[in-house]
Amino acid sequence: KEKKEIERILAELSSEAAAYREAIDLDYRMLVQLDVIFAKAKLAYRMRAWAPIMNDQGRVELRNARHPLIDPKTVVPISLRLGTDFDTMIITGPNTGG
């Protein structure tokens, strides 16, 4: 008897919640997007990373750039500029070995 009452209450709640399915789904998708944004921000903060500043002049400037998957204690940072004096550069060195 108690089990049937629990099932009835749950069915009633489910039926009432179904009316808000689209709003609940939208809220869920927005929360997922916010979670991804905050996870990226947390990772960037821990890595001391910066968002790129985009331009339409074909210039690239990296300051103390480093491979994000290599231990920060051993990675060798590199700074470079392309699009002003040079438009091509070959990078070799100890960071990824190839």
PDB file of N, CA and C in Angstrom:
ATOM      1  N   LYS A   1       0.819  -1.195   0.000  1.00  0.00           N
ATOM      2  CA  LYS A   1       0.000   0.000   0.000  1.00  0.00           C
ATOM      3  C   LYS A   1       0.868   1.267   0.000  1.00  0.00           C
ATOM      4  N   GLU A   2       1.883   1.266   0.840  1.00  0.00           N
ATOM      5  CA  GLU A   2       2.787   2.423   0.902  1.00  0.00           C
ATOM      6  C   GLU A   2       3.551   2.578  -0.411  1.00  0.00           C
ATOM      7  N   LYS A   3       3.969   1.446  -0.968  1.00  0.00           N
ATOM      8  CA  LYS A   3       4.710   1.475  -2.236  1.00  0.00           C
ATOM      9  C   LYS A   3       3.844   2.063  -3.351  1.00  0.00           C
ATOM     10  N   LYS A   4       2.565   1.686  -3.388  1.00  0.00           N
ATOM     11  CA  LYS A   4       1.664   2.224  -4.415  1.00  0.00           C
ATOM     12  C   LYS A   4       1.491   3.730  -4.262  1.00  0.00           C
ATOM     13  N   GLU A   5       1.430   4.200  -3.032  1.00  0.00           N
ATOM     14  CA  GLU A   5       1.277   5.634  -2.787  1.00  0.00           C
ATOM     15  C   GLU A   5       2.523   6.386  -3.248  1.00  0.00           C
ATOM     16  N   ILE A   6       3.702   5.817  -2.975  1.00  0.00           N
ATOM     17  CA  ILE A   6       4.960   6.428  -3.428  1.00  0.00           C
ATOM     18  C   ILE A   6       4.984   6.504  -4.949  1.00  0.00           C
ATOM     19  N   GLU A   7       4.595   5.407  -5.605  1.00  0.00           N
ATOM     20  CA  GLU A   7       4.567   5.380  -7.071  1.00  0.00           C
ATOM     21  C   GLU A   7       3.579   6.414  -7.618  1.00  0.00           C
ATOM     22  N   ARG A   8       2.415   6.553  -6.973  1.00  0.00           N
ATOM     23  CA  ARG A   8       1.418   7.525  -7.410  1.00  0.00           C
ATOM     24  C   ARG A   8       1.954   8.951  -7.294  1.00  0.00           C
ATOM     25  N   ILE A   9       2.610   9.231  -6.162  1.00  0.00           N
ATOM     26  CA  ILE A   9       3.168  10.571  -5.945  1.00  0.00           C
ATOM     27  C   ILE A   9       4.261  10.868  -6.966  1.00  0.00           C
ATOM     28  N   LEU A  10       5.136   9.895  -7.202  1.00  0.00           N
ATOM     29  CA  LEU A  10       6.211  10.085  -8.188  1.00  0.00           C
ATOM     30  C   LEU A  10       5.645  10.288  -9.593  1.00  0.00           C
ATOM     31  N   ALA A  11       4.617   9.533  -9.945  1.00  0.00           N
ATOM     32  CA  ALA A  11       3.994   9.685 -11.266  1.00  0.00           C
ATOM     33  C   ALA A  11       3.367  11.072 -11.402  1.00  0.00           C
ATOM     34  N   GLU A  12       2.737  11.536 -10.337  1.00  0.00           N
ATOM     35  CA  GLU A  12       2.126  12.865 -10.362  1.00  0.00           C
ATOM     36  C   GLU A  12       3.187  13.959 -10.504  1.00  0.00           C
ATOM     37  N   LEU A  13       4.265  13.837  -9.738  1.00  0.00           N
ATOM     38  CA  LEU A  13       5.361  14.813  -9.836  1.00  0.00           C
ATOM     39  C   LEU A  13       5.990  14.798 -11.225  1.00  0.00           C
ATOM     40  N   SER A  14       6.170  13.604 -11.774  1.00  0.00           N
ATOM     41  CA  SER A  14       6.746  13.485 -13.120  1.00  0.00           C
ATOM     42  C   SER A  14       5.842  14.141 -14.150  1.00  0.00           C
ATOM     43  N   SER A  15       4.553  13.942 -13.996  1.00  0.00           N
ATOM     44  CA  SER A  15       3.593  14.540 -14.924  1.00  0.00           C
ATOM     45  C   SER A  15       3.627  16.067 -14.840  1.00  0.00           C
ATOM     46  N   GLU A  16       3.698  16.592 -13.624  1.00  0.00           N
ATOM     47  CA  GLU A  16       3.765  18.044 -13.454  1.00  0.00           C
ATOM     48  C   GLU A  16       5.075  18.607 -14.009  1.00  0.00           C
ATOM     49  N   ALA A  17       6.168  17.896 -13.788  1.00  0.00           N
ATOM     50  CA  ALA A  17       7.476  18.356 -14.271  1.00  0.00           C
ATOM     51  C   ALA A  17       7.550  18.311 -15.796  1.00  0.00           C
ATOM     52  N   ALA A  18       6.803  17.386 -16.412  1.00  0.00           N
ATOM     53  CA  ALA A  18       6.835  17.250 -17.872  1.00  0.00           C
ATOM     54  C   ALA A  18       6.390  18.535 -18.559  1.00  0.00           C
ATOM     55  N   ALA A  19       5.541  19.291 -17.909  1.00  0.00           N
ATOM     56  CA  ALA A  19       5.078  20.552 -18.491  1.00  0.00           C
ATOM     57  C   ALA A  19       6.223  21.557 -18.629  1.00  0.00           C
ATOM     58  N   TYR A  20       7.280  21.368 -17.861  1.00  0.00           N
ATOM     59  CA  TYR A  20       8.426  22.284 -17.869  1.00  0.00           C
ATOM     60  C   TYR A  20       9.659  21.669 -18.541  1.00  0.00           C
ATOM     61  N   ARG A  21       9.433  20.599 -19.305  1.00  0.00           N
ATOM     62  CA  ARG A  21      10.542  19.867 -19.912  1.00  0.00           C
ATOM     63  C   ARG A  21      11.445  20.759 -20.754  1.00  0.00           C
ATOM     64  N   GLU A  22      10.872  21.590 -21.599  1.00  0.00           N
ATOM     65  CA  GLU A  22      11.690  22.442 -22.470  1.00  0.00           C
ATOM     66  C   GLU A  22      12.523  23.432 -21.665  1.00  0.00           C
ATOM     67  N   ALA A  23      11.927  24.035 -20.652  1.00  0.00           N
ATOM     68  CA  ALA A  23      12.667  24.988 -19.811  1.00  0.00           C
ATOM     69  C   ALA A  23      13.770  24.279 -19.031  1.00  0.00           C
ATOM     70  N   ILE A  24      13.460  23.088 -18.522  1.00  0.00           N
ATOM     71  CA  ILE A  24      14.465  22.316 -17.781  1.00  0.00           C
ATOM     72  C   ILE A  24      15.608  21.931 -18.708  1.00  0.00           C
ATOM     73  N   ASP A  25      15.270  21.514 -19.931  1.00  0.00           N
ATOM     74  CA  ASP A  25      16.299  21.136 -20.900  1.00  0.00           C
ATOM     75  C   ASP A  25      17.185  22.331 -21.253  1.00  0.00           C
ATOM     76  N   LEU A  26      16.575  23.490 -21.465  1.00  0.00           N
ATOM     77  CA  LEU A  26      17.344  24.700 -21.773  1.00  0.00           C
ATOM     78  C   LEU A  26      18.258  25.068 -20.605  1.00  0.00           C
ATOM     79  N   ASP A  27      17.722  25.021 -19.388  1.00  0.00           N
ATOM     80  CA  ASP A  27      18.540  25.311 -18.203  1.00  0.00           C
ATOM     81  C   ASP A  27      19.717  24.350 -18.101  1.00  0.00           C
ATOM     82  N   TYR A  28      19.453  23.071 -18.358  1.00  0.00           N
ATOM     83  CA  TYR A  28      20.516  22.064 -18.298  1.00  0.00           C
ATOM     84  C   TYR A  28      21.614  22.379 -19.313  1.00  0.00           C
ATOM     85  N   ARG A  29      21.218  22.690 -20.552  1.00  0.00           N
ATOM     86  CA  ARG A  29      22.221  22.988 -21.581  1.00  0.00           C
ATOM     87  C   ARG A  29      23.026  24.232 -21.234  1.00  0.00           C
ATOM     88  N   MET A  30      22.372  25.226 -20.658  1.00  0.00           N
ATOM     89  CA  MET A  30      23.090  26.438 -20.254  1.00  0.00           C
ATOM     90  C   MET A  30      24.065  26.141 -19.112  1.00  0.00           C
ATOM     91  N   LEU A  31      23.656  25.299 -18.171  1.00  0.00           N
ATOM     92  CA  LEU A  31      24.551  24.924 -17.073  1.00  0.00           C
ATOM     93  C   LEU A  31      25.768  24.161 -17.586  1.00  0.00           C
ATOM     94  N   VAL A  32      25.562  23.296 -18.577  1.00  0.00           N
ATOM     95  CA  VAL A  32      26.690  22.569 -19.172  1.00  0.00           C
ATOM     96  C   VAL A  32      27.661  23.558 -19.812  1.00  0.00           C
ATOM     97  N   GLN A  33      27.136  24.536 -20.550  1.00  0.00           N
ATOM     98  CA  GLN A  33      28.002  25.542 -21.174  1.00  0.00           C
ATOM     99  C   GLN A  33      28.761  26.341 -20.123  1.00  0.00           C
ATOM    100  N   LEU A  34      28.078  26.738 -19.058  1.00  0.00           N
ATOM    101  CA  LEU A  34      28.752  27.472 -17.980  1.00  0.00           C
ATOM    102  C   LEU A  34      29.833  26.621 -17.324  1.00  0.00           C
ATOM    103  N   ASP A  35      29.554  25.333 -17.145  1.00  0.00           N
ATOM    104  CA  ASP A  35      30.542  24.437 -16.542  1.00  0.00           C
ATOM    105  C   ASP A  35      31.797  24.360 -17.408  1.00  0.00           C
ATOM    106  N   VAL A  36      31.620  24.265 -18.723  1.00  0.00           N
ATOM    107  CA  VAL A  36      32.763  24.226 -19.641  1.00  0.00           C
ATOM    108  C   VAL A  36      33.542  25.539 -19.575  1.00  0.00           C
ATOM    109  N   ILE A  37      32.840  26.660 -19.571  1.00  0.00           N
ATOM    110  CA  ILE A  37      33.501  27.971 -19.502  1.00  0.00           C
ATOM    111  C   ILE A  37      34.320  28.094 -18.224  1.00  0.00           C
ATOM    112  N   PHE A  38      33.724  27.728 -17.091  1.00  0.00           N
ATOM    113  CA  PHE A  38      34.442  27.834 -15.822  1.00  0.00           C
ATOM    114  C   PHE A  38      35.605  26.851 -15.747  1.00  0.00           C
ATOM    115  N   ALA A  39      35.451  25.655 -16.328  1.00  0.00           N
ATOM    116  CA  ALA A  39      36.554  24.689 -16.342  1.00  0.00           C
ATOM    117  C   ALA A  39      37.725  25.220 -17.166  1.00  0.00           C
ATOM    118  N   LYS A  40      37.420  25.823 -18.321  1.00  0.00           N
ATOM    119  CA  LYS A  40      38.481  26.411 -19.150  1.00  0.00           C
ATOM    120  C   LYS A  40      39.165  27.555 -18.422  1.00  0.00           C
ATOM    121  N   ALA A  41      38.379  28.385 -17.754  1.00  0.00           N
ATOM    122  CA  ALA A  41      38.949  29.520 -17.018  1.00  0.00           C
ATOM    123  C   ALA A  41      39.835  29.039 -15.878  1.00  0.00           C
ATOM    124  N   LYS A  42      39.396  28.015 -15.178  1.00  0.00           N
ATOM    125  CA  LYS A  42      40.183  27.470 -14.060  1.00  0.00           C
ATOM    126  C   LYS A  42      41.505  26.897 -14.573  1.00  0.00           C
ATOM    127  N   LEU A  43      41.447  26.159 -15.680  1.00  0.00           N
ATOM    128  CA  LEU A  43      42.668  25.605 -16.265  1.00  0.00           C
ATOM    129  C   LEU A  43      43.594  26.722 -16.728  1.00  0.00           C
ATOM    130  N   ALA A  44      43.051  27.724 -17.405  1.00  0.00           N
ATOM    131  CA  ALA A  44      43.871  28.849 -17.878  1.00  0.00           C
ATOM    132  C   ALA A  44      44.522  29.571 -16.703  1.00  0.00           C
ATOM    133  N   TYR A  45      43.780  29.751 -15.624  1.00  0.00           N
ATOM    134  CA  TYR A  45      44.330  30.425 -14.441  1.00  0.00           C
ATOM    135  C   TYR A  45      45.481  29.613 -13.850  1.00  0.00           C
ATOM    136  N   ARG A  46      45.270  28.311 -13.724  1.00  0.00           N
ATOM    137  CA  ARG A  46      46.328  27.453 -13.168  1.00  0.00           C
ATOM    138  C   ARG A  46      47.570  27.431 -14.052  1.00  0.00           C
ATOM    139  N   MET A  47      47.360  27.524 -15.369  1.00  0.00           N
ATOM    140  CA  MET A  47      48.483  27.482 -16.306  1.00  0.00           C
ATOM    141  C   MET A  47      49.076  28.865 -16.543  1.00  0.00           C
ATOM    142  N   ARG A  48      48.457  29.887 -15.965  1.00  0.00           N
ATOM    143  CA  ARG A  48      48.852  31.272 -16.208  1.00  0.00           C
ATOM    144  C   ARG A  48      48.793  31.585 -17.703  1.00  0.00           C
ATOM    145  N   ALA A  49      47.743  31.107 -18.340  1.00  0.00           N
ATOM    146  CA  ALA A  49      47.550  31.292 -19.783  1.00  0.00           C
ATOM    147  C   ALA A  49      46.733  32.558 -20.044  1.00  0.00           C
ATOM    148  N   TRP A  50      46.875  33.091 -21.245  1.00  0.00           N
ATOM    149  CA  TRP A  50      46.161  34.296 -21.655  1.00  0.00           C
ATOM    150  C   TRP A  50      45.396  34.008 -22.929  1.00  0.00           C
ATOM    151  N   ALA A  51      44.253  34.629 -23.074  1.00  0.00           N
ATOM    152  CA  ALA A  51      43.484  34.512 -24.314  1.00  0.00           C
ATOM    153  C   ALA A  51      44.203  35.285 -25.411  1.00  0.00           C
ATOM    154  N   PRO A  52      44.195  34.778 -26.634  1.00  0.00           N
ATOM    155  CA  PRO A  52      44.862  35.500 -27.720  1.00  0.00           C
ATOM    156  C   PRO A  52      44.110  36.775 -28.087  1.00  0.00           C
ATOM    157  N   ILE A  53      44.864  37.754 -28.523  1.00  0.00           N
ATOM    158  CA  ILE A  53      44.272  38.971 -29.073  1.00  0.00           C
ATOM    159  C   ILE A  53      44.361  38.826 -30.589  1.00  0.00           C
ATOM    160  N   MET A  54      43.221  38.752 -31.242  1.00  0.00           N
ATOM    161  CA  MET A  54      43.186  38.492 -32.674  1.00  0.00           C
ATOM    162  C   MET A  54      43.368  39.796 -33.454  1.00  0.00           C
ATOM    163  N   ASN A  55      43.944  39.657 -34.654  1.00  0.00           N
ATOM    164  CA  ASN A  55      44.106  40.816 -35.531  1.00  0.00           C
ATOM    165  C   ASN A  55      43.883  40.367 -36.966  1.00  0.00           C
ATOM    166  N   ASP A  56      43.683  41.305 -37.853  1.00  0.00           N
ATOM    167  CA  ASP A  56      43.494  40.958 -39.262  1.00  0.00           C
ATOM    168  C   ASP A  56      44.673  41.417 -40.115  1.00  0.00           C
ATOM    169  N   GLN A  57      45.811  41.699 -39.472  1.00  0.00           N
ATOM    170  CA  GLN A  57      47.013  42.109 -40.198  1.00  0.00           C
ATOM    171  C   GLN A  57      47.964  40.937 -40.448  1.00  0.00           C
ATOM    172  N   GLY A  58      47.604  39.738 -40.040  1.00  0.00           N
ATOM    173  CA  GLY A  58      48.464  38.583 -40.260  1.00  0.00           C
ATOM    174  C   GLY A  58      49.656  38.525 -39.320  1.00  0.00           C
ATOM    175  N   ARG A  59      49.549  39.152 -38.162  1.00  0.00           N
ATOM    176  CA  ARG A  59      50.652  39.150 -37.203  1.00  0.00           C
ATOM    177  C   ARG A  59      50.355  38.191 -36.058  1.00  0.00           C
ATOM    178  N   VAL A  60      51.423  37.570 -35.581  1.00  0.00           N
ATOM    179  CA  VAL A  60      51.347  36.674 -34.428  1.00  0.00           C
ATOM    180  C   VAL A  60      52.468  37.049 -33.483  1.00  0.00           C
ATOM    181  N   GLU A  61      52.139  37.204 -32.211  1.00  0.00           N
ATOM    182  CA  GLU A  61      53.164  37.463 -31.205  1.00  0.00           C
ATOM    183  C   GLU A  61      52.905  36.539 -30.025  1.00  0.00           C
ATOM    184  N   LEU A  62      53.916  35.770 -29.682  1.00  0.00           N
ATOM    185  CA  LEU A  62      53.840  34.877 -28.528  1.00  0.00           C
ATOM    186  C   LEU A  62      54.872  35.323 -27.507  1.00  0.00           C
ATOM    187  N   ARG A  63      54.449  35.435 -26.267  1.00  0.00           N
ATOM    188  CA  ARG A  63      55.372  35.817 -25.194  1.00  0.00           C
ATOM    189  C   ARG A  63      55.436  34.690 -24.172  1.00  0.00           C
ATOM    190  N   ASN A  64      56.621  34.154 -23.997  1.00  0.00           N
ATOM    191  CA  ASN A  64      56.833  33.052 -23.054  1.00  0.00           C
ATOM    192  C   ASN A  64      55.832  31.919 -23.266  1.00  0.00           C
ATOM    193  N   ALA A  65      55.590  31.583 -24.526  1.00  0.00           N
ATOM    194  CA  ALA A  65      54.675  30.493 -24.859  1.00  0.00           C
ATOM    195  C   ALA A  65      55.314  29.163 -24.483  1.00  0.00           C
ATOM    196  N   ARG A  66      54.488  28.231 -24.070  1.00  0.00           N
ATOM    197  CA  ARG A  66      54.996  26.918 -23.691  1.00  0.00           C
ATOM    198  C   ARG A  66      53.948  25.866 -24.013  1.00  0.00           C
ATOM    199  N   HIS A  67      54.407  24.655 -24.195  1.00  0.00           N
ATOM    200  CA  HIS A  67      53.512  23.539 -24.482  1.00  0.00           C
ATOM    201  C   HIS A  67      52.695  23.248 -23.226  1.00  0.00           C
ATOM    202  N   PRO A  68      51.365  23.227 -23.336  1.00  0.00           N
ATOM    203  CA  PRO A  68      50.538  23.080 -22.137  1.00  0.00           C
ATOM    204  C   PRO A  68      50.596  21.704 -21.482  1.00  0.00           C
ATOM    205  N   LEU A  69      51.077  20.694 -22.202  1.00  0.00           N
ATOM    206  CA  LEU A  69      51.094  19.345 -21.635  1.00  0.00           C
ATOM    207  C   LEU A  69      52.444  18.947 -21.058  1.00  0.00           C
ATOM    208  N   ILE A  70      53.445  19.800 -21.227  1.00  0.00           N
ATOM    209  CA  ILE A  70      54.772  19.505 -20.682  1.00  0.00           C
ATOM    210  C   ILE A  70      54.884  20.138 -19.304  1.00  0.00           C
ATOM    211  N   ASP A  71      55.535  19.436 -18.397  1.00  0.00           N
ATOM    212  CA  ASP A  71      55.718  19.909 -17.019  1.00  0.00           C
ATOM    213  C   ASP A  71      56.272  21.328 -17.025  1.00  0.00           C
ATOM    214  N   PRO A  72      55.586  22.269 -16.382  1.00  0.00           N
ATOM    215  CA  PRO A  72      56.047  23.662 -16.391  1.00  0.00           C
ATOM    216  C   PRO A  72      57.429  23.850 -15.775  1.00  0.00           C
ATOM    217  N   LYS A  73      57.885  22.891 -14.976  1.00  0.00           N
ATOM    218  CA  LYS A  73      59.218  22.998 -14.379  1.00  0.00           C
ATOM    219  C   LYS A  73      60.317  22.698 -15.392  1.00  0.00           C
ATOM    220  N   THR A  74      59.977  21.947 -16.440  1.00  0.00           N
ATOM    221  CA  THR A  74      60.999  21.560 -17.418  1.00  0.00           C
ATOM    222  C   THR A  74      60.803  22.189 -18.796  1.00  0.00           C
ATOM    223  N   VAL A  75      59.617  22.698 -19.087  1.00  0.00           N
ATOM    224  CA  VAL A  75      59.358  23.265 -20.411  1.00  0.00           C
ATOM    225  C   VAL A  75      60.197  24.533 -20.610  1.00  0.00           C
ATOM    226  N   VAL A  76      60.633  24.729 -21.842  1.00  0.00           N
ATOM    227  CA  VAL A  76      61.411  25.918 -22.184  1.00  0.00           C
ATOM    228  C   VAL A  76      60.479  26.886 -22.920  1.00  0.00           C
ATOM    229  N   PRO A  77      60.146  28.027 -22.319  1.00  0.00           N
ATOM    230  CA  PRO A  77      59.241  28.968 -22.993  1.00  0.00           C
ATOM    231  C   PRO A  77      59.916  29.637 -24.188  1.00  0.00           C
ATOM    232  N   ILE A  78      59.098  30.073 -25.133  1.00  0.00           N
ATOM    233  CA  ILE A  78      59.616  30.741 -26.323  1.00  0.00           C
ATOM    234  C   ILE A  78      58.791  32.006 -26.576  1.00  0.00           C
ATOM    235  N   SER A  79      59.467  33.053 -26.995  1.00  0.00           N
ATOM    236  CA  SER A  79      58.795  34.288 -27.410  1.00  0.00           C
ATOM    237  C   SER A  79      59.139  34.530 -28.870  1.00  0.00           C
ATOM    238  N   LEU A  80      58.149  34.908 -29.670  1.00  0.00           N
ATOM    239  CA  LEU A  80      58.408  35.162 -31.087  1.00  0.00           C
ATOM    240  C   LEU A  80      57.369  36.108 -31.656  1.00  0.00           C
ATOM    241  N   ARG A  81      57.752  36.720 -32.786  1.00  0.00           N
ATOM    242  CA  ARG A  81      56.853  37.596 -33.547  1.00  0.00           C
ATOM    243  C   ARG A  81      56.913  37.183 -35.008  1.00  0.00           C
ATOM    244  N   LEU A  82      55.764  37.065 -35.616  1.00  0.00           N
ATOM    245  CA  LEU A  82      55.670  36.782 -37.045  1.00  0.00           C
ATOM    246  C   LEU A  82      54.754  37.821 -37.679  1.00  0.00           C
ATOM    247  N   GLY A  83      55.031  38.130 -38.943  1.00  0.00           N
ATOM    248  CA  GLY A  83      54.169  39.048 -39.674  1.00  0.00           C
ATOM    249  C   GLY A  83      54.700  40.461 -39.753  1.00  0.00           C
ATOM    250  N   THR A  84      55.780  40.754 -39.048  1.00  0.00           N
ATOM    251  CA  THR A  84      56.395  42.083 -39.147  1.00  0.00           C
ATOM    252  C   THR A  84      57.704  41.934 -39.906  1.00  0.00           C
ATOM    253  N   ASP A  85      58.737  41.427 -39.255  1.00  0.00           N
ATOM    254  CA  ASP A  85      60.027  41.208 -39.916  1.00  0.00           C
ATOM    255  C   ASP A  85      60.081  39.863 -40.632  1.00  0.00           C
ATOM    256  N   PHE A  86      59.352  38.873 -40.128  1.00  0.00           N
ATOM    257  CA  PHE A  86      59.354  37.521 -40.694  1.00  0.00           C
ATOM    258  C   PHE A  86      57.916  37.055 -40.877  1.00  0.00           C
ATOM    259  N   ASP A  87      57.701  36.210 -41.898  1.00  0.00           N
ATOM    260  CA  ASP A  87      56.379  35.617 -42.044  1.00  0.00           C
ATOM    261  C   ASP A  87      56.421  34.098 -41.954  1.00  0.00           C
ATOM    262  N   THR A  88      57.632  33.541 -41.786  1.00  0.00           N
ATOM    263  CA  THR A  88      57.803  32.102 -41.626  1.00  0.00           C
ATOM    264  C   THR A  88      58.890  31.854 -40.599  1.00  0.00           C
ATOM    265  N   MET A  89      58.700  30.820 -39.785  1.00  0.00           N
ATOM    266  CA  MET A  89      59.715  30.483 -38.789  1.00  0.00           C
ATOM    267  C   MET A  89      59.675  28.982 -38.536  1.00  0.00           C
ATOM    268  N   ILE A  90      60.841  28.382 -38.425  1.00  0.00           N
ATOM    269  CA  ILE A  90      60.951  26.975 -38.056  1.00  0.00           C
ATOM    270  C   ILE A  90      61.439  26.932 -36.617  1.00  0.00           C
ATOM    271  N   ILE A  91      60.705  26.209 -35.781  1.00  0.00           N
ATOM    272  CA  ILE A  91      61.067  26.112 -34.367  1.00  0.00           C
ATOM    273  C   ILE A  91      61.554  24.704 -34.081  1.00  0.00           C
ATOM    274  N   THR A  92      62.736  24.603 -33.522  1.00  0.00           N
ATOM    275  CA  THR A  92      63.259  23.311 -33.083  1.00  0.00           C
ATOM    276  C   THR A  92      63.734  23.480 -31.651  1.00  0.00           C
ATOM    277  N   GLY A  93      63.888  22.396 -30.974  1.00  0.00           N
ATOM    278  CA  GLY A  93      64.389  22.518 -29.608  1.00  0.00           C
ATOM    279  C   GLY A  93      63.921  21.393 -28.714  1.00  0.00           C
ATOM    280  N   PRO A  94      64.186  21.533 -27.416  1.00  0.00           N
ATOM    281  CA  PRO A  94      63.975  20.443 -26.481  1.00  0.00           C
ATOM    282  C   PRO A  94      62.524  20.224 -26.046  1.00  0.00           C
ATOM    283  N   ASN A  95      61.614  21.084 -26.404  1.00  0.00           N
ATOM    284  CA  ASN A  95      60.270  20.966 -25.833  1.00  0.00           C
ATOM    285  C   ASN A  95      59.516  19.709 -26.242  1.00  0.00           C
ATOM    286  N   THR A  96      59.469  19.401 -27.524  1.00  0.00           N
ATOM    287  CA  THR A  96      58.683  18.245 -27.944  1.00  0.00           C
ATOM    288  C   THR A  96      59.474  17.200 -28.705  1.00  0.00           C
ATOM    289  N   GLY A  97      60.654  17.483 -29.091  1.00  0.00           N
ATOM    290  CA  GLY A  97      61.535  16.471 -29.669  1.00  0.00           C
ATOM    291  C   GLY A  97      61.183  16.019 -31.066  1.00  0.00           C
ATOM    292  N   GLY A  98      59.917  15.803 -31.387  1.00  0.00           N
ATOM    293  CA  GLY A  98      59.507  15.413 -32.726  1.00  0.00           C
ATOM    294  C   GLY A  98      59.837  14.007 -33.006  1.00  0.00           C
TER     295      GLY A  98
END
